[in-house]
């Protein structure tokens, strides 16, 4: 397998975590988003959306991080990232989507560039925008976790939700977001970071981080 990704991309980090949890080897392919490499025709030929991550598995080219996580779960079911019970699986997916659909799209690189570019928003206002949506979005995740506390987002083993949560916290910390109001979120984050799959794939340890 090949993973086309960028070290600071939270969506890419999600997939790196999942691959590590499942013990799957892959070739790391760096796509420098800040340099616009994702817009070059060579990459667009592989990824029509011109986004990262992109997972190439044989003849399959897979985009969108949550779709990739589901693919890995279906093709390599051990260890599982989703619980067996339908309601539990739905809860894990809901937590993941609260982050991937309600927080992340408002704060990805394309949006931030548009804010300070065509919208002529100041750097300070851009950061206020970022912090607002992260901090309020994590409040929803906090309520989810507080309703059924466990070691990780759901249960005593990491799930798909943890793969999505941890990268969002890394971004929140990088932008100096307030996090003391989400103690359950931070407790789960700290539990995850004790595991090699989360620690060894963190952004600053990626080949393109230097």
Foldseek 3Di string as FASTA:
>chain_A
DEKEEALLDLLSQLQLLLCVQLVHDYHYHYQDVVVPSLVDPVNCVLPVVSDDTWDDDPPDIDDDSVVVSVVCCVVRVPPHQADDDPVRNVLLVVLLCLQVPQQPVCQDPVNLCCCCPVVVHDPVVSLVSNQVSLVVSVVVLLVSCVVPPELASDHDDHHSSRSRLLSSVVVCVVSVHDDPVRVSSVSNNVSVCVDCSNVCSRSCNDPPND
